[in-house]
Amino acid sequence: MGIVLKNNIVWGPKKAISEAFFEDISNIIKGSKEDYEILQLEIDEAIFYYTWTLDYRKKSLSEVLILLSVVEMLIQMFDEIYFNRLKEDIIKIYKNSILNLHSIIMDAVKYY
């Protein structure tokens, strides 16, 4: 569960965090004016098959940067999405996990 990047770099959160992340980015993509069709298909497949995983080991730099941009959108919208639950421990853990994912992707970009 999570995201696998080149050089065996992995974001592997607990199942509940992974599920929330996939649902959130799916909703963000669907509400966006940008075209994220391929990423949306990959997310839908990960949700449908309960893998909750995206494999980016063989993706291009541009595809990784698209994923990064969606993660950045989630970070920007996080407090708005969870405004009435921000004090809950699980939401704090989730937010920290998303921030960690952002750092992981930023570090992994050099391998693409």
Protein backbone atom coordinates (compact mmCIF):
# COMPACT_ATOMS: atom_id res chain seq x y z
CA MET A 1 0.00 0.00 0.00
CA GLY A 2 1.31 3.38 -0.95
CA ILE A 3 3.60 4.60 -3.69
CA VAL A 4 6.69 2.89 -5.05
CA LEU A 5 9.28 5.08 -6.76
CA LYS A 6 12.61 4.42 -8.50
CA ASN A 7 15.58 3.29 -6.43
CA ASN A 8 13.28 1.33 -4.09
CA ILE A 9 11.94 4.51 -2.53
CA VAL A 10 8.59 3.73 -0.95
CA TRP A 11 5.87 5.66 0.82
CA GLY A 12 4.12 2.90 2.74
CA PRO A 13 1.62 4.23 5.25
CA LYS A 14 -0.92 2.25 7.25
CA LYS A 15 -3.95 1.05 5.30
CA ALA A 16 -6.34 3.73 6.62
CA ILE A 17 -3.90 6.50 5.63
CA SER A 18 -3.39 5.01 2.17
CA GLU A 19 -7.13 4.63 1.62
CA ALA A 20 -7.82 8.22 2.71
CA PHE A 21 -5.03 9.49 0.45
CA PHE A 22 -6.35 7.66 -2.62
CA GLU A 23 -9.90 8.83 -1.99
CA ASP A 24 -8.78 12.42 -1.41
CA ILE A 25 -6.61 12.70 -4.49
CA SER A 26 -9.30 11.05 -6.58
CA ASN A 27 -11.77 13.71 -5.45
CA ILE A 28 -9.26 16.49 -6.05
CA ILE A 29 -8.53 15.25 -9.56
CA LYS A 30 -12.21 14.93 -10.41
CA GLY A 31 -12.77 18.52 -9.27
CA SER A 32 -9.77 19.90 -11.13
CA LYS A 33 -9.76 21.69 -14.46
CA GLU A 34 -6.50 19.96 -15.39
CA ASP A 35 -6.44 16.69 -17.32
CA TYR A 36 -5.36 13.88 -15.00
CA GLU A 37 -7.05 11.08 -16.93
CA ILE A 38 -4.20 8.55 -16.74
CA LEU A 39 -3.55 9.18 -13.05
CA GLN A 40 -7.28 8.94 -12.35
CA LEU A 41 -7.43 5.56 -14.10
CA GLU A 42 -4.49 4.30 -12.03
CA ILE A 43 -6.10 5.54 -8.82
CA ASP A 44 -9.46 4.01 -9.73
CA GLU A 45 -7.74 0.68 -10.42
CA ALA A 46 -5.86 0.79 -7.10
CA ILE A 47 -9.12 1.46 -5.27
CA PHE A 48 -11.15 -1.11 -7.23
CA TYR A 49 -8.63 -3.90 -6.66
CA TYR A 50 -7.93 -2.83 -3.06
CA THR A 51 -4.20 -2.56 -3.71
CA TRP A 52 -4.04 1.10 -2.68
CA THR A 53 -0.70 1.24 -4.50
CA LEU A 54 0.80 3.25 -7.34
CA ASP A 55 3.96 1.87 -8.94
CA TYR A 56 6.07 4.73 -10.30
CA ARG A 57 9.33 2.83 -10.82
CA LYS A 58 8.98 2.91 -14.61
CA LYS A 59 7.21 6.24 -14.95
CA SER A 60 8.68 9.32 -16.58
CA LEU A 61 9.77 12.45 -14.75
CA SER A 62 6.73 14.29 -16.11
CA GLU A 63 4.40 11.65 -14.64
CA VAL A 64 6.13 11.90 -11.25
CA LEU A 65 5.79 15.68 -11.37
CA ILE A 66 2.06 15.33 -12.08
CA LEU A 67 1.71 13.13 -9.01
CA LEU A 68 3.73 15.66 -7.02
CA SER A 69 1.42 18.46 -8.14
CA VAL A 70 -1.64 16.51 -6.96
CA VAL A 71 0.03 15.85 -3.59
CA GLU A 72 0.72 19.59 -3.35
CA MET A 73 -2.94 20.33 -4.09
CA LEU A 74 -3.95 17.96 -1.28
CA ILE A 75 -1.56 19.72 1.11
CA GLN A 76 -3.01 23.10 0.14
CA MET A 77 -6.60 21.90 0.56
CA PHE A 78 -6.05 19.67 3.59
CA ASP A 79 -7.22 22.06 6.29
CA GLU A 80 -10.28 22.94 4.23
CA ILE A 81 -11.17 19.29 3.62
CA TYR A 82 -10.74 18.30 7.27
CA PHE A 83 -11.60 21.64 8.91
CA ASN A 84 -13.91 20.12 11.54
CA ARG A 85 -11.53 17.26 12.39
CA LEU A 86 -8.11 18.94 12.53
CA LYS A 87 -7.65 18.23 16.24
CA GLU A 88 -8.19 14.49 15.86
CA ASP A 89 -4.98 12.49 16.25
CA ILE A 90 -5.61 10.37 13.14
CA ILE A 91 -6.02 13.53 11.02
CA LYS A 92 -2.75 14.93 12.41
CA ILE A 93 -1.03 11.64 11.60
CA TYR A 94 -2.55 11.65 8.10
CA LYS A 95 -1.41 15.22 7.44
CA ASN A 96 2.14 14.41 8.59
CA SER A 97 2.12 11.35 6.33
CA ILE A 98 1.12 13.47 3.33
CA LEU A 99 3.88 15.98 4.13
CA ASN A 100 6.28 13.03 4.36
CA LEU A 101 5.08 11.77 0.97
CA HIS A 102 5.80 15.19 -0.53
CA SER A 103 9.37 15.05 0.81
CA ILE A 104 9.83 11.51 -0.44
CA ILE A 105 8.72 12.43 -3.97
CA MET A 106 10.91 15.54 -3.96
CA ASP A 107 13.91 13.41 -2.97
CA ALA A 108 13.06 10.74 -5.56
CA VAL A 109 12.84 13.18 -8.48
CA LYS A 110 16.63 13.09 -8.91
CA TYR A 111 16.39 9.44 -9.99
CA TYR A 112 14.15 10.19 -13.00
